[in-house]
Amino acid sequence: MSEIYQQPFFGIFITLLAFHWSKIISRKFKFVLFNPVLLSVVSIICFLVIFKIDFEAYNIGGQYLGFLLGPTVVALGVLFYEKYEQIKANIWPFVSAVLIGGTLSIISVSTIALVLGAPEFIIKSIAPKSVTTPIALEISTSIGGVPYITAGIVIAVGIFGNAFGPAILRALGIKDKNAIGAALGTASHGIGTARALDEGKLPGAYGGLAMCINGFLTAIFTPYIINIVFSLFS
């Protein structure tokens, strides 16, 4: 039986099956906690724990799906190209919003953690929480954070934004789908952008571009912002 777990198709099959099942549940019950991404993650974790399967065994196949994330992000460029003229008309308000949102994300989480007495390595680990995992890991490593903590926080933030982001934004009076897409891409990186695509192609294009811009700006500004926050509270 253990030989099955070592086969690449096992991780792929379990992942696709979990997501397919989660989509069915999500369409049937229409409840915010029955978000497909959240349900998929929880069901895969439960399956691995119940059957005592090592993550390394599952990831033999799972890593191939992870590899497809790269081409998927590149494919968002096609969507941006299609919607370029529409985005161009609002490019400066859009870039300004992403810059402000990304900066406040770092400042707010760092300040709250510092006020609550979190150690320095935790603060540095969670500061790049809103950018895609590869960028966040590099930022965390460069400023003295712990990459494993960063990876977990980034994934959690993405799932939270995917599941609750649109509802929270609409509750705050933000009804424009393009603004929702930009906010999801800025705050919840790729997982949020996937949710933005559910709002439409143009919101998805805004989300993908916001994810890229925020990743670039966060990589540049995070070390400086962290230093400023620490100096203010030292």
Protein backbone atom coordinates (compact mmCIF):
# COMPACT_ATOMS: atom_id res chain seq x y z
CA MET A 1 0.00 0.00 0.00
CA SER A 2 2.82 2.38 0.82
CA GLU A 3 4.08 2.00 -2.75
CA ILE A 4 0.93 3.77 -3.98
CA TYR A 5 1.73 6.79 -1.83
CA GLN A 6 5.13 7.06 -3.47
CA GLN A 7 3.70 7.35 -6.99
CA PRO A 8 3.49 10.82 -8.57
CA PHE A 9 -0.12 10.31 -9.63
CA PHE A 10 -1.19 9.86 -5.99
CA GLY A 11 -0.58 13.47 -4.92
CA ILE A 12 -2.05 14.79 -8.17
CA PHE A 13 -5.14 12.60 -7.87
CA ILE A 14 -5.78 13.49 -4.22
CA THR A 15 -5.39 17.22 -4.92
CA LEU A 16 -7.70 17.25 -7.95
CA LEU A 17 -10.25 15.04 -6.20
CA ALA A 18 -10.26 17.29 -3.11
CA PHE A 19 -10.71 20.42 -5.21
CA HIS A 20 -13.46 18.86 -7.33
CA TRP A 21 -15.31 17.72 -4.21
CA SER A 22 -14.85 21.16 -2.63
CA LYS A 23 -16.28 22.90 -5.70
CA ILE A 24 -19.38 20.72 -5.51
CA ILE A 25 -19.85 21.49 -1.81
CA SER A 26 -19.29 25.21 -2.43
CA ARG A 27 -21.87 25.39 -5.23
CA LYS A 28 -24.42 23.42 -3.24
CA PHE A 29 -24.31 25.20 0.12
CA LYS A 30 -23.15 28.77 -0.77
CA PHE A 31 -21.58 29.32 2.66
CA VAL A 32 -18.45 31.44 3.08
CA LEU A 33 -16.58 28.74 5.04
CA PHE A 34 -17.22 26.29 2.23
CA ASN A 35 -14.72 28.09 0.05
CA PRO A 36 -13.15 25.60 -2.44
CA VAL A 37 -9.55 26.51 -1.58
CA LEU A 38 -10.15 26.33 2.17
CA LEU A 39 -12.10 23.06 1.91
CA SER A 40 -9.42 21.53 -0.32
CA VAL A 41 -6.60 22.37 2.09
CA VAL A 42 -8.51 21.11 5.14
CA SER A 43 -9.64 17.89 3.43
CA ILE A 44 -6.15 17.05 2.15
CA ILE A 45 -4.63 17.67 5.60
CA CYS A 46 -7.30 15.50 7.24
CA PHE A 47 -6.74 12.73 4.70
CA LEU A 48 -2.97 12.73 5.24
CA VAL A 49 -3.39 12.73 9.05
CA ILE A 50 -6.05 10.01 9.15
CA PHE A 51 -4.10 7.65 6.90
CA LYS A 52 -0.74 8.66 8.41
CA ILE A 53 0.78 9.65 5.09
CA ASP A 54 3.90 11.81 5.16
CA PHE A 55 3.68 15.14 3.41
CA GLU A 56 6.85 14.25 1.49
CA ALA A 57 5.07 11.23 -0.02
CA TYR A 58 2.06 13.31 -1.02
CA ASN A 59 4.27 16.06 -2.44
CA ILE A 60 5.97 13.70 -4.89
CA GLY A 61 2.96 14.33 -7.08
CA GLY A 62 1.84 17.58 -5.52
CA GLN A 63 5.03 19.33 -6.59
CA TYR A 64 4.07 18.90 -10.24
CA LEU A 65 0.90 20.88 -9.64
CA GLY A 66 2.99 23.46 -7.79
CA PHE A 67 5.24 23.72 -10.84
CA LEU A 68 2.23 24.81 -12.88
CA LEU A 69 1.87 27.92 -10.72
CA GLY A 70 4.65 29.57 -12.73
CA PRO A 71 2.97 29.19 -16.14
CA THR A 72 -0.34 30.16 -14.55
CA VAL A 73 1.06 33.48 -13.33
CA VAL A 74 2.56 34.10 -16.78
CA ALA A 75 -0.85 33.33 -18.32
CA LEU A 76 -2.28 36.24 -16.35
CA GLY A 77 -0.20 38.43 -18.65
CA VAL A 78 -2.44 37.36 -21.54
CA LEU A 79 -5.47 38.52 -19.60
CA PHE A 80 -3.72 41.82 -18.84
CA TYR A 81 -2.93 42.26 -22.54
CA GLU A 82 -6.59 41.72 -23.45
CA LYS A 83 -7.76 44.29 -20.89
CA TYR A 84 -4.84 46.71 -21.26
CA GLU A 85 -6.83 49.63 -22.68
CA GLN A 86 -9.39 49.46 -19.88
CA ILE A 87 -6.71 49.23 -17.18
CA LYS A 88 -4.64 51.99 -18.80
CA ALA A 89 -7.45 54.49 -18.24
CA ASN A 90 -7.14 54.00 -14.46
CA ILE A 91 -3.47 53.09 -14.19
CA TRP A 92 -2.30 55.86 -11.82
CA PRO A 93 -5.12 55.55 -9.26
CA PHE A 94 -4.63 51.79 -9.48
CA VAL A 95 -0.85 51.89 -8.91
CA SER A 96 -1.32 54.41 -6.08
CA ALA A 97 -3.87 52.17 -4.40
CA VAL A 98 -1.58 49.13 -4.66
CA LEU A 99 1.38 51.11 -3.29
CA ILE A 100 -0.63 52.42 -0.34
CA GLY A 101 -2.27 49.06 0.32
CA GLY A 102 0.99 47.13 0.20
CA THR A 103 2.78 49.63 2.43
CA LEU A 104 0.00 49.72 5.01
CA SER A 105 -0.08 45.93 5.02
CA ILE A 106 3.54 45.79 6.18
CA ILE A 107 3.17 48.66 8.64
CA SER A 108 -0.06 47.40 10.22
CA VAL A 109 0.96 43.78 10.76
CA SER A 110 4.42 44.76 12.04
CA THR A 111 3.05 47.40 14.41
CA ILE A 112 0.29 45.16 15.80
CA ALA A 113 2.73 42.28 16.34
CA LEU A 114 5.23 44.61 18.00
CA VAL A 115 2.61 46.11 20.32
CA LEU A 116 1.46 42.61 21.29
CA GLY A 117 5.03 41.73 22.24
CA ALA A 118 5.95 39.40 19.39
CA PRO A 119 9.68 38.64 19.08
CA GLU A 120 11.64 40.30 16.33
CA PHE A 121 12.02 37.18 14.19
CA ILE A 122 8.23 36.67 14.15
CA ILE A 123 7.62 40.24 13.04
CA LYS A 124 10.17 39.92 10.25
CA SER A 125 8.63 36.59 9.22
CA ILE A 126 5.09 37.92 8.87
CA ALA A 127 5.90 41.32 7.35
CA PRO A 128 5.80 40.10 3.70
CA LYS A 129 2.50 38.22 4.25
CA SER A 130 0.65 39.69 1.28
CA VAL A 131 2.98 38.73 -1.57
CA THR A 132 3.30 35.45 -3.39
CA THR A 133 5.27 32.74 -1.58
CA PRO A 134 8.57 32.72 -3.57
CA ILE A 135 8.97 36.49 -3.16
CA ALA A 136 7.87 36.41 0.48
CA LEU A 137 10.43 33.72 1.32
CA GLU A 138 13.26 35.71 -0.22
CA ILE A 139 12.20 38.87 1.62
CA SER A 140 11.88 36.98 4.91
CA THR A 141 15.33 35.43 4.54
CA SER A 142 16.96 38.76 3.65
CA ILE A 143 15.57 40.61 6.70
CA GLY A 144 16.15 37.84 9.24
CA GLY A 145 12.78 36.12 9.30
CA VAL A 146 12.01 32.39 9.37
CA PRO A 147 10.95 31.16 5.91
CA TYR A 148 8.81 28.30 7.26
CA ILE A 149 6.74 30.73 9.32
CA THR A 150 6.49 33.09 6.36
CA ALA A 151 5.26 30.32 4.06
CA GLY A 152 2.51 29.31 6.49
CA ILE A 153 1.36 32.90 7.03
CA VAL A 154 1.36 33.69 3.31
CA ILE A 155 -0.80 30.65 2.54
CA ALA A 156 -3.17 31.44 5.44
CA VAL A 157 -3.54 35.07 4.29
CA GLY A 158 -4.25 33.94 0.73
CA ILE A 159 -6.92 31.47 1.83
CA PHE A 160 -8.51 34.04 4.16
CA GLY A 161 -8.64 36.65 1.39
CA ASN A 162 -10.04 34.14 -1.08
CA ALA A 163 -12.75 33.02 1.35
CA PHE A 164 -13.72 36.27 3.09
CA GLY A 165 -12.20 39.12 1.05
CA PRO A 166 -15.14 39.95 -1.27
CA ALA A 167 -17.68 39.76 1.57
CA ILE A 168 -15.59 42.05 3.79
CA LEU A 169 -15.02 44.55 0.98
CA ARG A 170 -18.72 44.68 0.11
CA ALA A 171 -19.61 45.08 3.78
CA LEU A 172 -17.30 48.12 3.80
CA GLY A 173 -19.23 49.59 0.88
CA ILE A 174 -16.83 48.64 -1.91
CA LYS A 175 -19.08 47.39 -4.71
CA ASP A 176 -16.93 47.95 -7.81
CA LYS A 177 -15.68 44.58 -9.03
CA ASN A 178 -12.45 46.05 -10.43
CA ALA A 179 -11.63 47.58 -7.05
CA ILE A 180 -12.38 44.24 -5.39
CA GLY A 181 -10.06 42.48 -7.85
CA ALA A 182 -7.26 44.96 -7.21
CA ALA A 183 -7.69 44.64 -3.45
CA LEU A 184 -7.64 40.85 -3.55
CA GLY A 185 -4.50 40.79 -5.67
CA THR A 186 -2.77 43.29 -3.40
CA ALA A 187 -3.70 41.69 -0.10
CA SER A 188 -3.95 37.99 -0.96
CA HIS A 189 -1.55 37.43 -3.89
CA GLY A 190 -2.26 34.49 -6.23
CA ILE A 191 -4.99 32.83 -4.18
CA GLY A 192 -6.82 36.15 -3.95
CA THR A 193 -6.36 36.71 -7.67
CA ALA A 194 -8.00 33.34 -8.34
CA ARG A 195 -11.03 34.63 -6.42
CA ALA A 196 -10.90 37.90 -8.35
CA LEU A 197 -11.27 35.92 -11.58
CA ASP A 198 -14.61 34.68 -10.28
CA GLU A 199 -15.74 38.31 -10.35
CA GLY A 200 -14.88 38.58 -14.04
CA LYS A 201 -11.96 38.82 -16.48
CA LEU A 202 -11.27 42.51 -15.86
CA PRO A 203 -11.24 42.16 -12.03
CA GLY A 204 -8.96 39.15 -12.54
CA ALA A 205 -6.62 41.23 -14.69
CA TYR A 206 -6.55 43.94 -12.03
CA GLY A 207 -5.85 41.30 -9.38
CA GLY A 208 -3.00 39.73 -11.34
CA LEU A 209 -1.36 43.08 -12.05
CA ALA A 210 -1.80 44.18 -8.43
CA MET A 211 -0.15 40.96 -7.26
CA CYS A 212 2.87 41.60 -9.50
CA ILE A 213 3.26 45.28 -8.61
CA ASN A 214 2.84 44.65 -4.89
CA GLY A 215 5.38 41.83 -5.01
CA PHE A 216 7.92 44.10 -6.68
CA LEU A 217 7.34 47.05 -4.34
CA THR A 218 7.24 44.90 -1.20
CA ALA A 219 10.59 43.33 -2.09
CA ILE A 220 12.12 46.82 -2.29
CA PHE A 221 10.47 48.58 0.64
CA THR A 222 9.99 45.91 3.34
CA PRO A 223 13.52 46.19 4.86
CA TYR A 224 13.20 49.97 5.15
CA ILE A 225 9.68 49.88 6.58
CA ILE A 226 10.66 47.25 9.17
CA ASN A 227 13.61 49.37 10.28
CA ILE A 228 11.38 52.44 10.62
CA VAL A 229 8.78 50.54 12.67
CA PHE A 230 11.43 49.14 15.02
CA SER A 231 13.05 52.56 15.42
CA LEU A 232 9.72 54.15 16.35
CA PHE A 233 9.08 51.62 19.09
CA SER A 234 12.65 51.25 20.36
